[in-house]
Amino acid sequence: MTETILYGIPNCDTVKKARKWLDAQGVDYAFHDYKKQGADPAKLAAWIETAGVDTVLNRRGTTWRKLPEADKADVDAAKAVQLLQDNPSMIKRPIVEDGGALLVGFKEDEWSAHFS
């Protein structure tokens, strides 16, 4: 059986909501904490290839807004991987890998359809 892995930051409200939802559904999962375990560049590249830079990179948070303009300009996949590795709090949260599927962000209807 493929392991379900939820990636995020423990104090993020959306991650808390997602973990509570998974627990309520009885979904067994491992939690990967970016703050403690870091962000693997190969995984980041694969997620960006699958879901796109605009889905994986969270441009709405304060970390993104505090970046120098040069860092925010011309973000392609390679630059996004480096930015996300250096600033894991800019990775859209949560990200779930499950049986080859990738869920980015917590959308209850999408998750219900996937885990049913």
PDB file of N, CA and C in Angstrom:
ATOM      1  N   MET A   1       0.838  -1.194   0.000  1.00  0.00           N
ATOM      2  CA  MET A   1       0.000   0.000   0.000  1.00  0.00           C
ATOM      3  C   MET A   1       0.875   1.247   0.000  1.00  0.00           C
ATOM      4  N   THR A   2       0.522   2.207  -0.813  1.00  0.00           N
ATOM      5  CA  THR A   2       1.285   3.450  -0.891  1.00  0.00           C
ATOM      6  C   THR A   2       0.980   4.316   0.314  1.00  0.00           C
ATOM      7  N   GLU A   3       2.008   4.908   0.848  1.00  0.00           N
ATOM      8  CA  GLU A   3       1.838   5.761   2.015  1.00  0.00           C
ATOM      9  C   GLU A   3       1.311   7.144   1.611  1.00  0.00           C
ATOM     10  N   THR A   4       0.392   7.642   2.394  1.00  0.00           N
ATOM     11  CA  THR A   4      -0.110   8.995   2.207  1.00  0.00           C
ATOM     12  C   THR A   4       0.770   9.922   3.034  1.00  0.00           C
ATOM     13  N   ILE A   5       1.292  10.973   2.383  1.00  0.00           N
ATOM     14  CA  ILE A   5       2.150  11.923   3.093  1.00  0.00           C
ATOM     15  C   ILE A   5       1.548  13.313   2.967  1.00  0.00           C
ATOM     16  N   LEU A   6       1.387  13.970   4.112  1.00  0.00           N
ATOM     17  CA  LEU A   6       0.899  15.341   4.146  1.00  0.00           C
ATOM     18  C   LEU A   6       2.092  16.232   4.473  1.00  0.00           C
ATOM     19  N   TYR A   7       2.356  17.207   3.593  1.00  0.00           N
ATOM     20  CA  TYR A   7       3.469  18.137   3.765  1.00  0.00           C
ATOM     21  C   TYR A   7       2.918  19.475   4.217  1.00  0.00           C
ATOM     22  N   GLY A   8       3.573  20.076   5.219  1.00  0.00           N
ATOM     23  CA  GLY A   8       3.121  21.376   5.680  1.00  0.00           C
ATOM     24  C   GLY A   8       3.893  21.863   6.876  1.00  0.00           C
ATOM     25  N   ILE A   9       3.280  22.813   7.559  1.00  0.00           N
ATOM     26  CA  ILE A   9       3.848  23.427   8.761  1.00  0.00           C
ATOM     27  C   ILE A   9       2.797  23.255   9.853  1.00  0.00           C
ATOM     28  N   PRO A  10       3.178  22.695  11.010  1.00  0.00           N
ATOM     29  CA  PRO A  10       2.182  22.334  12.032  1.00  0.00           C
ATOM     30  C   PRO A  10       1.289  23.469  12.526  1.00  0.00           C
ATOM     31  N   ASN A  11       1.797  24.706  12.586  1.00  0.00           N
ATOM     32  CA  ASN A  11       0.967  25.787  13.126  1.00  0.00           C
ATOM     33  C   ASN A  11       0.116  26.498  12.084  1.00  0.00           C
ATOM     34  N   CYS A  12       0.148  26.024  10.825  1.00  0.00           N
ATOM     35  CA  CYS A  12      -0.677  26.610   9.764  1.00  0.00           C
ATOM     36  C   CYS A  12      -2.133  26.171   9.958  1.00  0.00           C
ATOM     37  N   ASP A  13      -3.065  27.119   9.962  1.00  0.00           N
ATOM     38  CA  ASP A  13      -4.483  26.804  10.170  1.00  0.00           C
ATOM     39  C   ASP A  13      -5.028  25.836   9.123  1.00  0.00           C
ATOM     40  N   THR A  14      -4.639  26.020   7.871  1.00  0.00           N
ATOM     41  CA  THR A  14      -5.142  25.140   6.810  1.00  0.00           C
ATOM     42  C   THR A  14      -4.607  23.726   6.991  1.00  0.00           C
ATOM     43  N   VAL A  15      -3.359  23.598   7.404  1.00  0.00           N
ATOM     44  CA  VAL A  15      -2.774  22.284   7.657  1.00  0.00           C
ATOM     45  C   VAL A  15      -3.499  21.626   8.837  1.00  0.00           C
ATOM     46  N   LYS A  16      -3.785  22.398   9.874  1.00  0.00           N
ATOM     47  CA  LYS A  16      -4.525  21.858  11.028  1.00  0.00           C
ATOM     48  C   LYS A  16      -5.887  21.334  10.586  1.00  0.00           C
ATOM     49  N   LYS A  17      -6.580  22.119   9.745  1.00  0.00           N
ATOM     50  CA  LYS A  17      -7.890  21.722   9.231  1.00  0.00           C
ATOM     51  C   LYS A  17      -7.789  20.431   8.419  1.00  0.00           C
ATOM     52  N   ALA A  18      -6.770  20.360   7.570  1.00  0.00           N
ATOM     53  CA  ALA A  18      -6.559  19.186   6.712  1.00  0.00           C
ATOM     54  C   ALA A  18      -6.246  17.947   7.558  1.00  0.00           C
ATOM     55  N   ARG A  19      -5.422  18.108   8.582  1.00  0.00           N
ATOM     56  CA  ARG A  19      -5.075  16.969   9.443  1.00  0.00           C
ATOM     57  C   ARG A  19      -6.306  16.481  10.204  1.00  0.00           C
ATOM     58  N   LYS A  20      -7.097  17.421  10.684  1.00  0.00           N
ATOM     59  CA  LYS A  20      -8.329  17.067  11.404  1.00  0.00           C
ATOM     60  C   LYS A  20      -9.276  16.310  10.460  1.00  0.00           C
ATOM     61  N   TRP A  21      -9.369  16.780   9.213  1.00  0.00           N
ATOM     62  CA  TRP A  21     -10.234  16.145   8.219  1.00  0.00           C
ATOM     63  C   TRP A  21      -9.761  14.719   7.925  1.00  0.00           C
ATOM     64  N   LEU A  22      -8.447  14.550   7.690  1.00  0.00           N
ATOM     65  CA  LEU A  22      -7.894  13.214   7.416  1.00  0.00           C
ATOM     66  C   LEU A  22      -8.147  12.274   8.590  1.00  0.00           C
ATOM     67  N   ASP A  23      -7.939  12.771   9.821  1.00  0.00           N
ATOM     68  CA  ASP A  23      -8.184  11.962  11.017  1.00  0.00           C
ATOM     69  C   ASP A  23      -9.652  11.538  11.090  1.00  0.00           C
ATOM     70  N   ALA A  24     -10.562  12.470  10.804  1.00  0.00           N
ATOM     71  CA  ALA A  24     -12.001  12.181  10.857  1.00  0.00           C
ATOM     72  C   ALA A  24     -12.412  11.141   9.813  1.00  0.00           C
ATOM     73  N   GLN A  25     -11.693  11.119   8.673  1.00  0.00           N
ATOM     74  CA  GLN A  25     -11.986  10.154   7.605  1.00  0.00           C
ATOM     75  C   GLN A  25     -11.287   8.818   7.848  1.00  0.00           C
ATOM     76  N   GLY A  26     -10.455   8.763   8.864  1.00  0.00           N
ATOM     77  CA  GLY A  26      -9.712   7.535   9.144  1.00  0.00           C
ATOM     78  C   GLY A  26      -8.587   7.275   8.161  1.00  0.00           C
ATOM     79  N   VAL A  27      -8.061   8.342   7.549  1.00  0.00           N
ATOM     80  CA  VAL A  27      -6.962   8.186   6.593  1.00  0.00           C
ATOM     81  C   VAL A  27      -5.644   8.154   7.365  1.00  0.00           C
ATOM     82  N   ASP A  28      -4.894   7.094   7.157  1.00  0.00           N
ATOM     83  CA  ASP A  28      -3.592   6.943   7.799  1.00  0.00           C
ATOM     84  C   ASP A  28      -2.574   7.720   6.969  1.00  0.00           C
ATOM     85  N   TYR A  29      -1.821   8.616   7.586  1.00  0.00           N
ATOM     86  CA  TYR A  29      -0.872   9.430   6.824  1.00  0.00           C
ATOM     87  C   TYR A  29       0.353   9.756   7.675  1.00  0.00           C
ATOM     88  N   ALA A  30       1.434  10.081   6.991  1.00  0.00           N
ATOM     89  CA  ALA A  30       2.646  10.566   7.649  1.00  0.00           C
ATOM     90  C   ALA A  30       2.672  12.079   7.451  1.00  0.00           C
ATOM     91  N   PHE A  31       3.198  12.795   8.440  1.00  0.00           N
ATOM     92  CA  PHE A  31       3.285  14.255   8.341  1.00  0.00           C
ATOM     93  C   PHE A  31       4.734  14.665   8.139  1.00  0.00           C
ATOM     94  N   HIS A  32       4.978  15.474   7.097  1.00  0.00           N
ATOM     95  CA  HIS A  32       6.317  15.994   6.823  1.00  0.00           C
ATOM     96  C   HIS A  32       6.309  17.483   7.162  1.00  0.00           C
ATOM     97  N   ASP A  33       7.071  17.852   8.170  1.00  0.00           N
ATOM     98  CA  ASP A  33       7.150  19.237   8.645  1.00  0.00           C
ATOM     99  C   ASP A  33       8.304  19.943   7.939  1.00  0.00           C
ATOM    100  N   TYR A  34       7.984  20.911   7.060  1.00  0.00           N
ATOM    101  CA  TYR A  34       9.024  21.639   6.325  1.00  0.00           C
ATOM    102  C   TYR A  34      10.007  22.333   7.256  1.00  0.00           C
ATOM    103  N   LYS A  35       9.507  22.848   8.369  1.00  0.00           N
ATOM    104  CA  LYS A  35      10.371  23.608   9.280  1.00  0.00           C
ATOM    105  C   LYS A  35      11.453  22.708   9.875  1.00  0.00           C
ATOM    106  N   LYS A  36      11.096  21.453  10.184  1.00  0.00           N
ATOM    107  CA  LYS A  36      12.061  20.534  10.797  1.00  0.00           C
ATOM    108  C   LYS A  36      12.794  19.692   9.760  1.00  0.00           C
ATOM    109  N   GLN A  37      12.079  19.268   8.698  1.00  0.00           N
ATOM    110  CA  GLN A  37      12.640  18.301   7.757  1.00  0.00           C
ATOM    111  C   GLN A  37      13.072  18.912   6.431  1.00  0.00           C
ATOM    112  N   GLY A  38      12.774  20.197   6.239  1.00  0.00           N
ATOM    113  CA  GLY A  38      13.176  20.858   4.999  1.00  0.00           C
ATOM    114  C   GLY A  38      12.318  20.450   3.811  1.00  0.00           C
ATOM    115  N   ALA A  39      12.657  21.014   2.664  1.00  0.00           N
ATOM    116  CA  ALA A  39      11.922  20.754   1.426  1.00  0.00           C
ATOM    117  C   ALA A  39      12.892  20.166   0.405  1.00  0.00           C
ATOM    118  N   ASP A  40      12.596  18.973  -0.057  1.00  0.00           N
ATOM    119  CA  ASP A  40      13.442  18.257  -1.008  1.00  0.00           C
ATOM    120  C   ASP A  40      13.318  18.874  -2.403  1.00  0.00           C
ATOM    121  N   PRO A  41      14.438  19.363  -2.983  1.00  0.00           N
ATOM    122  CA  PRO A  41      14.367  20.007  -4.298  1.00  0.00           C
ATOM    123  C   PRO A  41      13.803  19.107  -5.403  1.00  0.00           C
ATOM    124  N   ALA A  42      14.092  17.810  -5.341  1.00  0.00           N
ATOM    125  CA  ALA A  42      13.564  16.893  -6.366  1.00  0.00           C
ATOM    126  C   ALA A  42      12.039  16.803  -6.261  1.00  0.00           C
ATOM    127  N   LYS A  43      11.522  16.771  -5.027  1.00  0.00           N
ATOM    128  CA  LYS A  43      10.060  16.736  -4.825  1.00  0.00           C
ATOM    129  C   LYS A  43       9.437  18.036  -5.308  1.00  0.00           C
ATOM    130  N   LEU A  44      10.054  19.155  -4.936  1.00  0.00           N
ATOM    131  CA  LEU A  44       9.535  20.461  -5.357  1.00  0.00           C
ATOM    132  C   LEU A  44       9.455  20.531  -6.885  1.00  0.00           C
ATOM    133  N   ALA A  45      10.508  20.075  -7.551  1.00  0.00           N
ATOM    134  CA  ALA A  45      10.534  20.095  -9.016  1.00  0.00           C
ATOM    135  C   ALA A  45       9.429  19.212  -9.593  1.00  0.00           C
ATOM    136  N   ALA A  46       9.225  18.025  -8.992  1.00  0.00           N
ATOM    137  CA  ALA A  46       8.180  17.108  -9.470  1.00  0.00           C
ATOM    138  C   ALA A  46       6.790  17.718  -9.266  1.00  0.00           C
ATOM    139  N   TRP A  47       6.568  18.351  -8.105  1.00  0.00           N
ATOM    140  CA  TRP A  47       5.265  18.988  -7.840  1.00  0.00           C
ATOM    141  C   TRP A  47       5.002  20.103  -8.829  1.00  0.00           C
ATOM    142  N   ILE A  48       6.023  20.911  -9.098  1.00  0.00           N
ATOM    143  CA  ILE A  48       5.871  22.024 -10.042  1.00  0.00           C
ATOM    144  C   ILE A  48       5.589  21.482 -11.440  1.00  0.00           C
ATOM    145  N   GLU A  49       6.272  20.388 -11.801  1.00  0.00           N
ATOM    146  CA  GLU A  49       6.041  19.779 -13.118  1.00  0.00           C
ATOM    147  C   GLU A  49       4.600  19.267 -13.219  1.00  0.00           C
ATOM    148  N   THR A  50       4.090  18.686 -12.133  1.00  0.00           N
ATOM    149  CA  THR A  50       2.744  18.130 -12.124  1.00  0.00           C
ATOM    150  C   THR A  50       1.662  19.202 -12.031  1.00  0.00           C
ATOM    151  N   ALA A  51       1.826  20.136 -11.091  1.00  0.00           N
ATOM    152  CA  ALA A  51       0.750  21.082 -10.777  1.00  0.00           C
ATOM    153  C   ALA A  51       0.991  22.499 -11.298  1.00  0.00           C
ATOM    154  N   GLY A  52       2.242  22.818 -11.636  1.00  0.00           N
ATOM    155  CA  GLY A  52       2.559  24.159 -12.127  1.00  0.00           C
ATOM    156  C   GLY A  52       3.100  25.065 -11.020  1.00  0.00           C
ATOM    157  N   VAL A  53       3.948  26.009 -11.432  1.00  0.00           N
ATOM    158  CA  VAL A  53       4.561  26.955 -10.490  1.00  0.00           C
ATOM    159  C   VAL A  53       3.488  27.720  -9.728  1.00  0.00           C
ATOM    160  N   ASP A  54       2.469  28.204 -10.438  1.00  0.00           N
ATOM    161  CA  ASP A  54       1.456  29.060  -9.805  1.00  0.00           C
ATOM    162  C   ASP A  54       0.613  28.319  -8.771  1.00  0.00           C
ATOM    163  N   THR A  55       0.550  26.995  -8.864  1.00  0.00           N
ATOM    164  CA  THR A  55      -0.200  26.214  -7.885  1.00  0.00           C
ATOM    165  C   THR A  55       0.646  25.930  -6.649  1.00  0.00           C
ATOM    166  N   VAL A  56       1.911  25.602  -6.847  1.00  0.00           N
ATOM    167  CA  VAL A  56       2.780  25.192  -5.740  1.00  0.00           C
ATOM    168  C   VAL A  56       3.362  26.383  -4.979  1.00  0.00           C
ATOM    169  N   LEU A  57       3.640  27.475  -5.683  1.00  0.00           N
ATOM    170  CA  LEU A  57       4.222  28.664  -5.057  1.00  0.00           C
ATOM    171  C   LEU A  57       3.112  29.565  -4.534  1.00  0.00           C
ATOM    172  N   ASN A  58       3.131  29.806  -3.223  1.00  0.00           N
ATOM    173  CA  ASN A  58       2.121  30.662  -2.599  1.00  0.00           C
ATOM    174  C   ASN A  58       2.595  32.112  -2.652  1.00  0.00           C
ATOM    175  N   ARG A  59       1.977  32.888  -3.538  1.00  0.00           N
ATOM    176  CA  ARG A  59       2.357  34.299  -3.693  1.00  0.00           C
ATOM    177  C   ARG A  59       1.519  35.220  -2.802  1.00  0.00           C
ATOM    178  N   ARG A  60       0.641  34.639  -1.989  1.00  0.00           N
ATOM    179  CA  ARG A  60      -0.243  35.482  -1.174  1.00  0.00           C
ATOM    180  C   ARG A  60       0.271  35.723   0.242  1.00  0.00           C
ATOM    181  N   GLY A  61       1.304  34.984   0.631  1.00  0.00           N
ATOM    182  CA  GLY A  61       1.783  35.092   2.009  1.00  0.00           C
ATOM    183  C   GLY A  61       2.771  36.227   2.217  1.00  0.00           C
ATOM    184  N   THR A  62       3.051  36.500   3.472  1.00  0.00           N
ATOM    185  CA  THR A  62       3.978  37.585   3.811  1.00  0.00           C
ATOM    186  C   THR A  62       5.404  37.271   3.375  1.00  0.00           C
ATOM    187  N   THR A  63       5.788  35.996   3.384  1.00  0.00           N
ATOM    188  CA  THR A  63       7.156  35.640   2.979  1.00  0.00           C
ATOM    189  C   THR A  63       7.401  36.085   1.539  1.00  0.00           C
ATOM    190  N   TRP A  64       6.446  35.816   0.649  1.00  0.00           N
ATOM    191  CA  TRP A  64       6.562  36.233  -0.759  1.00  0.00           C
ATOM    192  C   TRP A  64       6.629  37.750  -0.853  1.00  0.00           C
ATOM    193  N   ARG A  65       5.746  38.437  -0.129  1.00  0.00           N
ATOM    194  CA  ARG A  65       5.680  39.899  -0.213  1.00  0.00           C
ATOM    195  C   ARG A  65       6.969  40.557   0.289  1.00  0.00           C
ATOM    196  N   LYS A  66       7.678  39.899   1.198  1.00  0.00           N
ATOM    197  CA  LYS A  66       8.911  40.468   1.746  1.00  0.00           C
ATOM    198  C   LYS A  66      10.134  40.223   0.866  1.00  0.00           C
ATOM    199  N   LEU A  67       9.993  39.374  -0.155  1.00  0.00           N
ATOM    200  CA  LEU A  67      11.132  39.082  -1.031  1.00  0.00           C
ATOM    201  C   LEU A  67      11.524  40.324  -1.826  1.00  0.00           C
ATOM    202  N   PRO A  68      12.818  40.448  -2.143  1.00  0.00           N
ATOM    203  CA  PRO A  68      13.241  41.539  -3.033  1.00  0.00           C
ATOM    204  C   PRO A  68      12.581  41.366  -4.405  1.00  0.00           C
ATOM    205  N   GLU A  69      12.308  42.473  -5.068  1.00  0.00           N
ATOM    206  CA  GLU A  69      11.650  42.425  -6.386  1.00  0.00           C
ATOM    207  C   GLU A  69      12.414  41.533  -7.370  1.00  0.00           C
ATOM    208  N   ALA A  70      13.727  41.531  -7.303  1.00  0.00           N
ATOM    209  CA  ALA A  70      14.534  40.704  -8.215  1.00  0.00           C
ATOM    210  C   ALA A  70      14.196  39.219  -8.044  1.00  0.00           C
ATOM    211  N   ASP A  71      13.942  38.795  -6.799  1.00  0.00           N
ATOM    212  CA  ASP A  71      13.596  37.392  -6.555  1.00  0.00           C
ATOM    213  C   ASP A  71      12.210  37.057  -7.083  1.00  0.00           C
ATOM    214  N   LYS A  72      11.318  38.050  -7.098  1.00  0.00           N
ATOM    215  CA  LYS A  72       9.936  37.809  -7.540  1.00  0.00           C
ATOM    216  C   LYS A  72       9.785  37.872  -9.063  1.00  0.00           C
ATOM    217  N   ALA A  73      10.809  38.390  -9.737  1.00  0.00           N
ATOM    218  CA  ALA A  73      10.729  38.568 -11.195  1.00  0.00           C
ATOM    219  C   ALA A  73      11.100  37.275 -11.918  1.00  0.00           C
ATOM    220  N   ASP A  74      10.418  37.028 -13.043  1.00  0.00           N
ATOM    221  CA  ASP A  74      10.768  35.925 -13.942  1.00  0.00           C
ATOM    222  C   ASP A  74      10.918  34.592 -13.227  1.00  0.00           C
ATOM    223  N   VAL A  75       9.920  34.200 -12.453  1.00  0.00           N
ATOM    224  CA  VAL A  75       9.984  32.927 -11.728  1.00  0.00           C
ATOM    225  C   VAL A  75       9.604  31.784 -12.662  1.00  0.00           C
ATOM    226  N   ASP A  76      10.599  30.974 -13.009  1.00  0.00           N
ATOM    227  CA  ASP A  76      10.336  29.762 -13.781  1.00  0.00           C
ATOM    228  C   ASP A  76      10.459  28.579 -12.816  1.00  0.00           C
ATOM    229  N   ALA A  77      10.352  27.368 -13.326  1.00  0.00           N
ATOM    230  CA  ALA A  77      10.369  26.183 -12.465  1.00  0.00           C
ATOM    231  C   ALA A  77      11.654  26.085 -11.648  1.00  0.00           C
ATOM    232  N   ALA A  78      12.801  26.292 -12.285  1.00  0.00           N
ATOM    233  CA  ALA A  78      14.093  26.163 -11.588  1.00  0.00           C
ATOM    234  C   ALA A  78      14.227  27.211 -10.488  1.00  0.00           C
ATOM    235  N   LYS A  79      13.847  28.455 -10.798  1.00  0.00           N
ATOM    236  CA  LYS A  79      13.941  29.522  -9.804  1.00  0.00           C
ATOM    237  C   LYS A  79      12.956  29.260  -8.660  1.00  0.00           C
ATOM    238  N   ALA A  80      11.776  28.755  -8.989  1.00  0.00           N
ATOM    239  CA  ALA A  80      10.772  28.457  -7.963  1.00  0.00           C
ATOM    240  C   ALA A  80      11.289  27.392  -6.999  1.00  0.00           C
ATOM    241  N   VAL A  81      11.933  26.355  -7.524  1.00  0.00           N
ATOM    242  CA  VAL A  81      12.482  25.295  -6.658  1.00  0.00           C
ATOM    243  C   VAL A  81      13.466  25.908  -5.660  1.00  0.00           C
ATOM    244  N   GLN A  82      14.358  26.775  -6.141  1.00  0.00           N
ATOM    245  CA  GLN A  82      15.354  27.403  -5.258  1.00  0.00           C
ATOM    246  C   GLN A  82      14.671  28.291  -4.220  1.00  0.00           C
ATOM    247  N   LEU A  83      13.705  29.097  -4.647  1.00  0.00           N
ATOM    248  CA  LEU A  83      12.981  29.970  -3.714  1.00  0.00           C
ATOM    249  C   LEU A  83      12.262  29.157  -2.643  1.00  0.00           C
ATOM    250  N   LEU A  84      11.603  28.075  -3.058  1.00  0.00           N
ATOM    251  CA  LEU A  84      10.833  27.257  -2.120  1.00  0.00           C
ATOM    252  C   LEU A  84      11.741  26.481  -1.175  1.00  0.00           C
ATOM    253  N   GLN A  85      12.886  26.083  -1.680  1.00  0.00           N
ATOM    254  CA  GLN A  85      13.836  25.387  -0.819  1.00  0.00           C
ATOM    255  C   GLN A  85      14.370  26.339   0.251  1.00  0.00           C
ATOM    256  N   ASP A  86      14.641  27.573  -0.147  1.00  0.00           N
ATOM    257  CA  ASP A  86      15.148  28.582   0.788  1.00  0.00           C
ATOM    258  C   ASP A  86      14.054  29.113   1.719  1.00  0.00           C
ATOM    259  N   ASN A  87      12.809  29.102   1.257  1.00  0.00           N
ATOM    260  CA  ASN A  87      11.677  29.649   2.015  1.00  0.00           C
ATOM    261  C   ASN A  87      10.503  28.669   1.992  1.00  0.00           C
ATOM    262  N   PRO A  88      10.591  27.548   2.744  1.00  0.00           N
ATOM    263  CA  PRO A  88       9.524  26.539   2.672  1.00  0.00           C
ATOM    264  C   PRO A  88       8.146  27.065   3.057  1.00  0.00           C
ATOM    265  N   SER A  89       8.086  28.187   3.769  1.00  0.00           N
ATOM    266  CA  SER A  89       6.768  28.722   4.117  1.00  0.00           C
ATOM    267  C   SER A  89       6.045  29.286   2.892  1.00  0.00           C
ATOM    268  N   MET A  90       6.729  29.389   1.749  1.00  0.00           N
ATOM    269  CA  MET A  90       6.071  29.843   0.511  1.00  0.00           C
ATOM    270  C   MET A  90       5.473  28.688  -0.288  1.00  0.00           C
ATOM    271  N   ILE A  91       5.641  27.455   0.191  1.00  0.00           N
ATOM    272  CA  ILE A  91       5.026  26.317  -0.493  1.00  0.00           C
ATOM    273  C   ILE A  91       3.554  26.313  -0.114  1.00  0.00           C
ATOM    274  N   LYS A  92       2.686  26.230  -1.114  1.00  0.00           N
ATOM    275  CA  LYS A  92       1.241  26.161  -0.860  1.00  0.00           C
ATOM    276  C   LYS A  92       0.983  25.014   0.108  1.00  0.00           C
ATOM    277  N   ARG A  93       0.120  25.256   1.084  1.00  0.00           N
ATOM    278  CA  ARG A  93      -0.126  24.239   2.107  1.00  0.00           C
ATOM    279  C   ARG A  93      -1.593  23.871   2.170  1.00  0.00           C
ATOM    280  N   PRO A  94      -1.818  22.634   2.543  1.00  0.00           N
ATOM    281  CA  PRO A  94      -0.877  21.511   2.567  1.00  0.00           C
ATOM    282  C   PRO A  94      -0.724  20.910   1.183  1.00  0.00           C
ATOM    283  N   ILE A  95       0.263  20.066   1.041  1.00  0.00           N
ATOM    284  CA  ILE A  95       0.408  19.242  -0.165  1.00  0.00           C
ATOM    285  C   ILE A  95       0.325  17.794   0.308  1.00  0.00           C
ATOM    286  N   VAL A  96      -0.471  16.997  -0.407  1.00  0.00           N
ATOM    287  CA  VAL A  96      -0.606  15.582  -0.065  1.00  0.00           C
ATOM    288  C   VAL A  96      -0.200  14.753  -1.271  1.00  0.00           C
ATOM    289  N   GLU A  97       0.659  13.769  -0.999  1.00  0.00           N
ATOM    290  CA  GLU A  97       0.988  12.751  -1.999  1.00  0.00           C
ATOM    291  C   GLU A  97       0.290  11.485  -1.552  1.00  0.00           C
ATOM    292  N   ASP A  98      -0.473  10.910  -2.462  1.00  0.00           N
ATOM    293  CA  ASP A  98      -1.200   9.694  -2.114  1.00  0.00           C
ATOM    294  C   ASP A  98      -1.383   8.836  -3.354  1.00  0.00           C
ATOM    295  N   GLY A  99      -0.727   7.690  -3.353  1.00  0.00           N
ATOM    296  CA  GLY A  99      -0.888   6.747  -4.464  1.00  0.00           C
ATOM    297  C   GLY A  99      -0.629   7.352  -5.826  1.00  0.00           C
ATOM    298  N   GLY A 100       0.370   8.212  -5.932  1.00  0.00           N
ATOM    299  CA  GLY A 100       0.687   8.839  -7.214  1.00  0.00           C
ATOM    300  C   GLY A 100      -0.106  10.099  -7.473  1.00  0.00           C
ATOM    301  N   ALA A 101      -1.127  10.367  -6.668  1.00  0.00           N
ATOM    302  CA  ALA A 101      -1.917  11.590  -6.824  1.00  0.00           C
ATOM    303  C   ALA A 101      -1.294  12.713  -6.009  1.00  0.00           C
ATOM    304  N   LEU A 102      -1.527  13.933  -6.458  1.00  0.00           N
ATOM    305  CA  LEU A 102      -1.011  15.115  -5.773  1.00  0.00           C
ATOM    306  C   LEU A 102      -2.176  16.060  -5.498  1.00  0.00           C
ATOM    307  N   LEU A 103      -2.383  16.378  -4.222  1.00  0.00           N
ATOM    308  CA  LEU A 103      -3.424  17.337  -3.834  1.00  0.00           C
ATOM    309  C   LEU A 103      -2.719  18.564  -3.277  1.00  0.00           C
ATOM    310  N   VAL A 104      -3.007  19.733  -3.844  1.00  0.00           N
ATOM    311  CA  VAL A 104      -2.352  20.965  -3.403  1.00  0.00           C
ATOM    312  C   VAL A 104      -3.397  21.894  -2.824  1.00  0.00           C
ATOM    313  N   GLY A 105      -3.216  22.259  -1.548  1.00  0.00           N
ATOM    314  CA  GLY A 105      -4.208  23.082  -0.857  1.00  0.00           C
ATOM    315  C   GLY A 105      -5.312  22.175  -0.329  1.00  0.00           C
ATOM    316  N   PHE A 106      -6.081  22.689   0.621  1.00  0.00           N
ATOM    317  CA  PHE A 106      -7.159  21.870   1.196  1.00  0.00           C
ATOM    318  C   PHE A 106      -8.504  22.315   0.639  1.00  0.00           C
ATOM    319  N   LYS A 107      -9.044  21.482  -0.254  1.00  0.00           N
ATOM    320  CA  LYS A 107     -10.392  21.702  -0.790  1.00  0.00           C
ATOM    321  C   LYS A 107     -11.170  20.450  -0.436  1.00  0.00           C
ATOM    322  N   GLU A 108     -12.097  20.582   0.518  1.00  0.00           N
ATOM    323  CA  GLU A 108     -12.770  19.410   1.075  1.00  0.00           C
ATOM    324  C   GLU A 108     -13.447  18.551   0.008  1.00  0.00           C
ATOM    325  N   ASP A 109     -14.116  19.168  -0.971  1.00  0.00           N
ATOM    326  CA  ASP A 109     -14.803  18.373  -2.004  1.00  0.00           C
ATOM    327  C   ASP A 109     -13.806  17.574  -2.843  1.00  0.00           C
ATOM    328  N   GLU A 110     -12.691  18.194  -3.176  1.00  0.00           N
ATOM    329  CA  GLU A 110     -11.634  17.507  -3.957  1.00  0.00           C
ATOM    330  C   GLU A 110     -11.050  16.354  -3.135  1.00  0.00           C
ATOM    331  N   TRP A 111     -10.808  16.593  -1.863  1.00  0.00           N
ATOM    332  CA  TRP A 111     -10.254  15.562  -1.001  1.00  0.00           C
ATOM    333  C   TRP A 111     -11.258  14.431  -0.803  1.00  0.00           C
ATOM    334  N   SER A 112     -12.532  14.769  -0.610  1.00  0.00           N
ATOM    335  CA  SER A 112     -13.566  13.748  -0.437  1.00  0.00           C
ATOM    336  C   SER A 112     -13.616  12.838  -1.654  1.00  0.00           C
ATOM    337  N   ALA A 113     -13.567  13.443  -2.846  1.00  0.00           N
ATOM    338  CA  ALA A 113     -13.608  12.660  -4.077  1.00  0.00           C
ATOM    339  C   ALA A 113     -12.386  11.756  -4.169  1.00  0.00           C
ATOM    340  N   HIS A 114     -11.232  12.268  -3.789  1.00  0.00           N
ATOM    341  CA  HIS A 114      -9.996  11.484  -3.883  1.00  0.00           C
ATOM    342  C   HIS A 114      -9.978  10.329  -2.892  1.00  0.00           C
ATOM    343  N   PHE A 115     -10.356  10.588  -1.645  1.00  0.00           N
ATOM    344  CA  PHE A 115     -10.214   9.583  -0.597  1.00  0.00           C
ATOM    345  C   PHE A 115     -11.449   8.675  -0.429  1.00  0.00           C
ATOM    346  N   SER A 116     -12.466   8.852  -1.281  1.00  0.00           N
ATOM    347  CA  SER A 116     -13.666   8.003  -1.119  1.00  0.00           C
ATOM    348  C   SER A 116     -13.462   6.633  -1.727  1.00  0.00           C
TER     349      SER A 116
END
